Protein backbone atom coordinates (compact mmCIF):
# COMPACT_ATOMS: atom_id res chain seq x y z
CA MET A 1 13.25 -36.05 -26.43
CA PRO A 2 10.65 -34.50 -28.79
CA THR A 3 9.79 -30.82 -28.56
CA ASP A 4 6.58 -28.88 -29.06
CA GLY A 5 8.03 -26.60 -31.73
CA GLU A 6 8.45 -23.65 -29.34
CA GLY A 7 11.74 -24.63 -27.73
CA ALA A 8 10.10 -26.44 -24.82
CA VAL A 9 9.80 -30.16 -24.20
CA SER A 10 6.30 -31.37 -25.14
CA VAL A 11 3.81 -31.73 -22.27
CA ALA A 12 2.94 -35.26 -23.34
CA ALA A 13 6.57 -36.34 -23.32
CA ALA A 14 7.16 -34.69 -19.95
CA ARG A 15 4.30 -36.73 -18.48
CA ASP A 16 5.73 -40.02 -19.72
CA ALA A 17 8.42 -40.16 -17.06
CA ASP A 18 9.67 -37.91 -14.32
CA SER A 19 13.24 -36.70 -14.72
CA ALA A 20 16.00 -37.91 -12.42
CA LEU A 21 16.15 -34.36 -11.10
CA LYS A 22 12.52 -34.48 -9.99
CA ARG A 23 12.86 -38.02 -8.64
CA ALA A 24 15.82 -36.94 -6.51
CA ARG A 25 13.72 -34.20 -4.91
CA VAL A 26 10.67 -36.41 -4.38
CA ALA A 27 12.85 -39.14 -2.84
CA ARG A 28 13.82 -36.62 -0.17
CA ASN A 29 10.20 -35.61 0.46
CA MET A 30 10.98 -32.00 -0.50
CA THR A 31 8.51 -29.61 -2.06
CA LEU A 32 9.66 -27.38 -4.89
CA GLU A 33 9.78 -24.45 -2.49
CA GLU A 34 11.84 -26.39 0.05
CA ALA A 35 14.29 -27.59 -2.60
CA ALA A 36 14.67 -24.08 -4.03
CA ASP A 37 15.38 -22.67 -0.55
CA ALA A 38 17.93 -25.42 0.12
CA LEU A 39 19.63 -24.78 -3.22
CA ASN A 40 19.79 -21.04 -2.56
CA ALA A 41 21.41 -21.73 0.82
CA ILE A 42 24.18 -23.55 -1.08
CA THR A 43 24.62 -21.18 -4.01
CA GLY A 44 23.55 -17.85 -2.52
CA GLY A 45 21.25 -17.51 -5.52
CA ALA A 46 17.58 -16.67 -6.01
CA THR A 47 16.04 -19.77 -7.58
CA ASP A 48 12.30 -20.10 -7.03
CA ALA A 49 9.85 -22.99 -7.31
CA SER A 50 8.76 -22.16 -10.87
CA LEU A 51 12.33 -22.11 -12.18
CA LEU A 52 13.15 -25.37 -10.40
CA SER A 53 10.05 -26.94 -11.93
CA ALA A 54 11.19 -25.79 -15.39
CA TRP A 55 14.57 -27.44 -14.80
CA GLU A 56 12.90 -30.67 -13.66
CA SER A 57 10.62 -30.85 -16.70
CA GLY A 58 13.44 -30.01 -19.11
CA ARG A 59 11.76 -26.82 -20.33
CA ARG A 60 14.90 -24.94 -19.28
CA ARG A 61 18.52 -25.93 -18.87
CA THR A 62 20.26 -25.46 -15.54
CA GLY A 63 23.40 -23.28 -15.41
CA LYS A 64 26.80 -24.41 -14.17
CA ARG A 65 26.59 -22.96 -10.66
CA ASN A 66 23.12 -24.32 -9.95
CA ARG A 67 24.04 -27.71 -11.40
CA ALA A 68 26.88 -27.95 -8.90
CA GLY A 69 24.53 -26.90 -6.11
CA LEU A 70 21.88 -29.46 -7.05
CA CYS A 71 24.50 -32.21 -7.25
CA GLN A 72 25.59 -31.26 -3.73
CA LEU A 73 22.02 -31.08 -2.48
CA TYR A 74 20.94 -34.44 -3.93
CA ARG A 75 24.35 -36.15 -3.73
CA GLU A 76 24.17 -37.29 -7.33
CA ARG A 77 26.31 -36.95 -10.47
CA PRO A 78 25.42 -34.30 -13.07
CA GLU A 79 25.20 -36.81 -15.92
CA VAL A 80 22.36 -38.48 -13.98
CA LEU A 81 20.48 -35.41 -12.78
CA PHE A 82 20.62 -33.47 -16.04
CA ALA A 83 20.43 -36.15 -18.72
CA HIS A 84 16.91 -34.96 -19.64
CA GLN A 85 18.25 -31.44 -20.26
CA ASP A 86 21.29 -32.42 -22.29
CA GLY A 87 19.57 -34.38 -25.03
CA PRO A 88 18.64 -33.08 -28.49
CA ALA A 89 15.92 -30.69 -27.28
CA THR A 90 16.05 -27.59 -29.45
CA SER A 91 15.91 -23.96 -28.51
CA VAL A 92 13.28 -21.46 -29.61
CA LEU A 93 15.51 -20.08 -32.35
CA GLU A 94 16.54 -23.55 -33.51
CA SER A 95 12.95 -24.74 -33.84
CA SER A 96 11.24 -21.54 -34.96
CA GLY A 97 14.05 -19.78 -36.80
CA THR A 98 13.45 -16.15 -37.68
CA ALA A 99 9.71 -16.54 -37.01
CA VAL A 100 10.36 -15.37 -33.44
CA VAL A 101 11.69 -12.05 -34.77
CA VAL A 102 8.81 -9.58 -34.85
CA LYS A 103 10.80 -6.68 -36.28
CA VAL A 104 14.35 -5.69 -37.14
CA LEU A 105 15.16 -2.30 -35.60
CA THR A 106 17.58 -0.44 -37.83
CA ARG A 107 17.47 3.03 -36.28
CA TRP A 108 18.49 4.22 -32.82
CA THR A 109 15.12 5.90 -32.25
CA ASP A 110 13.28 2.67 -33.13
CA LEU A 111 15.51 0.66 -30.80
CA VAL A 112 14.94 2.96 -27.84
CA GLU A 113 11.20 3.14 -28.50
CA ALA A 114 10.94 -0.65 -28.56
CA MET A 115 12.96 -1.01 -25.34
CA VAL A 116 10.73 1.57 -23.64
CA ASP A 117 7.66 -0.35 -24.81
CA VAL A 118 8.96 -3.63 -23.35
CA ALA A 119 9.60 -1.99 -19.97
CA ALA A 120 6.29 -0.12 -19.97
CA GLY A 121 4.34 -3.25 -20.88
CA ALA A 122 5.83 -5.53 -18.20
CA ARG A 123 3.40 -6.66 -15.50
CA GLU A 124 4.85 -9.92 -14.17
CA GLN A 125 8.57 -10.09 -15.03
CA LEU A 126 11.08 -7.54 -16.29
CA VAL A 127 14.66 -8.66 -16.94
CA VAL A 128 17.36 -6.21 -18.01
CA THR A 129 20.97 -7.21 -18.62
CA GLY A 130 24.11 -5.23 -19.29
CA SER A 131 26.07 -2.41 -17.69
CA ARG A 132 25.98 0.24 -20.43
CA SER A 133 22.41 1.61 -20.21
CA ARG A 134 22.18 5.39 -20.22
CA GLU A 135 19.19 6.37 -22.34
CA LYS A 136 17.03 8.52 -20.03
CA ALA A 137 13.65 7.53 -21.50
CA TYR A 138 14.46 3.83 -21.20
CA LEU A 139 15.71 4.04 -17.62
CA ALA A 140 12.71 6.18 -16.68
CA ALA A 141 10.34 3.58 -18.18
CA ILE A 142 11.90 0.87 -16.00
CA GLU A 143 11.54 3.03 -12.89
CA THR A 144 7.92 3.85 -13.74
CA ALA A 145 7.08 0.17 -14.20
CA VAL A 146 8.66 -0.69 -10.84
CA ALA A 147 6.85 2.19 -9.12
CA GLN A 148 3.42 1.56 -10.63
CA HIS A 149 3.27 -2.24 -10.51
CA PRO A 150 4.20 -3.56 -7.05
CA ASP A 151 3.81 -7.21 -8.10
CA LEU A 152 6.26 -6.82 -10.98
CA VAL A 153 9.48 -8.78 -10.33
CA HIS A 154 12.47 -6.90 -11.74
CA TYR A 155 15.91 -8.40 -12.40
CA ARG A 156 18.96 -6.33 -13.36
CA VAL A 157 22.04 -8.36 -14.30
CA LEU A 158 25.23 -6.30 -14.42
CA TYR A 159 28.24 -7.48 -16.41
CA GLY A 160 30.84 -5.41 -14.65
CA PRO A 161 30.31 -2.05 -12.94
CA PRO A 162 28.17 0.61 -14.65
CA TRP A 163 29.78 2.28 -17.63
CA HIS A 164 27.88 5.51 -17.10
CA ARG A 165 26.79 7.62 -14.14
CA ALA A 166 23.23 7.55 -15.48
CA LEU A 167 23.01 3.79 -14.84
CA ALA A 168 24.49 4.04 -11.35
CA ASP A 169 21.98 6.77 -10.48
CA HIS A 170 19.20 4.61 -11.93
CA LEU A 171 20.17 1.69 -9.68
CA VAL A 172 20.03 3.99 -6.67
CA ARG A 173 16.54 5.15 -7.66
CA LEU A 174 15.38 1.54 -7.99
CA LEU A 175 16.60 0.83 -4.48
CA GLU A 176 14.76 3.90 -3.24
CA LEU A 177 11.59 2.57 -4.86
CA ARG A 178 11.93 -1.06 -3.72
CA ASP A 179 13.57 -2.85 -0.82
CA PRO A 180 15.17 -6.09 -2.09
CA SER A 181 14.88 -7.60 1.38
CA ALA A 182 11.09 -7.16 1.38
CA ARG A 183 8.76 -9.93 0.29
CA ARG A 184 5.46 -9.07 -1.36
CA ASN A 185 3.10 -12.02 -1.02
CA GLY A 186 6.18 -14.01 -0.07
CA VAL A 187 8.08 -13.07 -3.24
CA LYS A 188 11.22 -10.98 -3.62
CA THR A 189 10.48 -8.36 -6.28
CA LEU A 190 13.83 -6.64 -6.89
CA HIS A 191 17.05 -8.44 -7.79
CA ILE A 192 20.24 -6.55 -8.72
CA GLY A 193 23.41 -8.58 -9.17
CA LEU A 194 26.92 -8.35 -10.61
CA VAL A 195 28.22 -11.25 -12.69
CA GLU A 196 31.61 -12.48 -11.56
CA PRO A 197 34.24 -12.82 -12.86
CA THR A 198 33.98 -9.34 -14.30
CA GLY A 199 35.54 -10.58 -17.56
CA ALA A 200 32.43 -12.65 -18.39
CA LEU A 201 30.93 -12.05 -21.82
CA GLU A 202 28.40 -9.23 -21.53
CA ARG A 203 24.84 -9.84 -22.69
CA PHE A 204 22.36 -7.16 -23.66
CA PHE A 205 18.58 -7.53 -23.68
CA VAL A 206 15.37 -6.39 -22.04
CA ALA A 207 12.56 -8.92 -21.70
CA SER A 208 9.10 -9.06 -20.20
CA GLU A 209 6.62 -11.91 -20.13
CA THR A 210 5.31 -10.86 -23.57
CA GLN A 211 8.14 -9.38 -25.65
CA ALA A 212 11.86 -8.68 -25.71
CA VAL A 213 14.45 -6.51 -27.43
CA VAL A 214 18.02 -7.58 -28.09
CA PRO A 215 20.34 -4.70 -29.12
CA LEU A 216 23.02 -5.52 -31.68
CA PRO A 217 26.53 -4.08 -31.99
CA SER A 218 26.64 -0.84 -33.93
CA PHE A 219 27.62 -0.69 -37.56
CA HIS A 220 29.21 2.68 -36.81
CA GLY A 221 31.53 2.22 -33.83
CA ALA A 222 33.03 -0.21 -31.38
CA GLU A 223 31.06 0.93 -28.32
CA GLY A 224 27.68 1.76 -29.87
CA PHE A 225 24.41 -0.17 -29.86
CA ASP A 226 22.02 1.48 -32.29
CA CYS A 227 20.08 -1.38 -33.87
CA GLY A 228 18.50 -4.63 -32.73
CA VAL A 229 15.62 -7.09 -32.99
CA LEU A 230 12.18 -7.14 -31.40
CA LEU A 231 11.21 -10.67 -30.34
CA GLY A 232 7.82 -12.22 -29.64
CA ARG A 233 6.40 -14.01 -26.62
CA GLU A 234 8.11 -17.39 -27.05
CA ALA A 235 11.58 -15.90 -27.24
CA ALA A 236 10.77 -13.39 -24.50
CA VAL A 237 9.83 -16.14 -22.06
CA GLY A 238 13.12 -17.89 -22.80
CA LEU A 239 15.10 -14.72 -22.20
CA VAL A 240 13.27 -14.09 -18.92
CA HIS A 241 14.37 -17.52 -17.71
CA HIS A 242 17.90 -16.84 -19.03
CA GLY A 243 18.08 -13.59 -17.06
CA ARG A 244 16.61 -15.07 -13.89
CA GLU A 245 19.12 -17.91 -13.95
CA ALA A 246 21.98 -15.50 -14.64
CA CYS A 247 20.84 -13.30 -11.75
CA ALA A 248 20.75 -16.30 -9.42
CA SER A 249 24.50 -16.73 -9.97
CA THR A 250 25.47 -13.09 -9.41
CA ARG A 251 26.90 -11.22 -6.45
CA PRO A 252 24.02 -9.17 -5.03
CA VAL A 253 24.36 -5.38 -5.23
CA GLU A 254 21.22 -4.51 -3.32
CA THR A 255 21.98 -1.55 -1.10
CA ILE A 256 22.53 2.07 -2.04
CA GLU A 257 25.95 1.88 -0.37
CA ALA A 258 26.90 -1.14 -2.50
CA VAL A 259 25.89 0.66 -5.70
CA ARG A 260 27.82 3.80 -4.76
CA ALA A 261 30.90 1.67 -4.06
CA LEU A 262 30.97 0.46 -7.68
CA PRO A 263 33.44 2.28 -9.92
CA VAL A 264 31.83 4.14 -12.82
CA ARG A 265 33.80 4.18 -16.05
CA HIS A 266 32.37 7.43 -17.48
CA ASN A 267 31.00 10.19 -15.26
């Protein structure tokens, strides 16, 4: 299927024919909201109507857990439901190459400043992944964004328990600022989840609806992250969807008691 050059299936092509995934939902007279709720009841995830629509149009690919859930919901084989996603559609990086890279961050101070800017600039979506965060200015910027912008939807995807006490304390402060069980205008605005199994490959990035930063492994040590890349809007939108889908497959850690029960590697 042709693409629009930004890693998404072209609008014209998407209009030519509905995907089997969309047809399966329509055949059951389900709205996007109803189908998302039914899927979440199966998977325990947090899929919403916009993400389901992106899966149906082929703008985003569905992850393993949600594929299984949709097959169960619609009683159909994956090769039928997801054929439109598994064709030759290219990703943002495949189609745009290094054009999506706004800046290479070669110093620790530049990396932290860029991550703070992403968090501070978020108004709609803020996705943070990884379990090693400990930079005070960065964590404070996330907390400020959550406190000052009540409509901001924040996702934190943990790959294993927090490495540092600073991150565990940060998660507690987020839960003091927001109640994950609350719904603002019908929308859940705080999602904190732990990827299982805990041996899953850890991913590191922070992304808003307009920009993203991906830290890179340090040139100076096995556990450091002191350089990275600043990415533009197209890549940021893709990473937001990546993080939302990852969060939908996590085990929720959404009470202060649950956070405090997590082991912390370095106090």
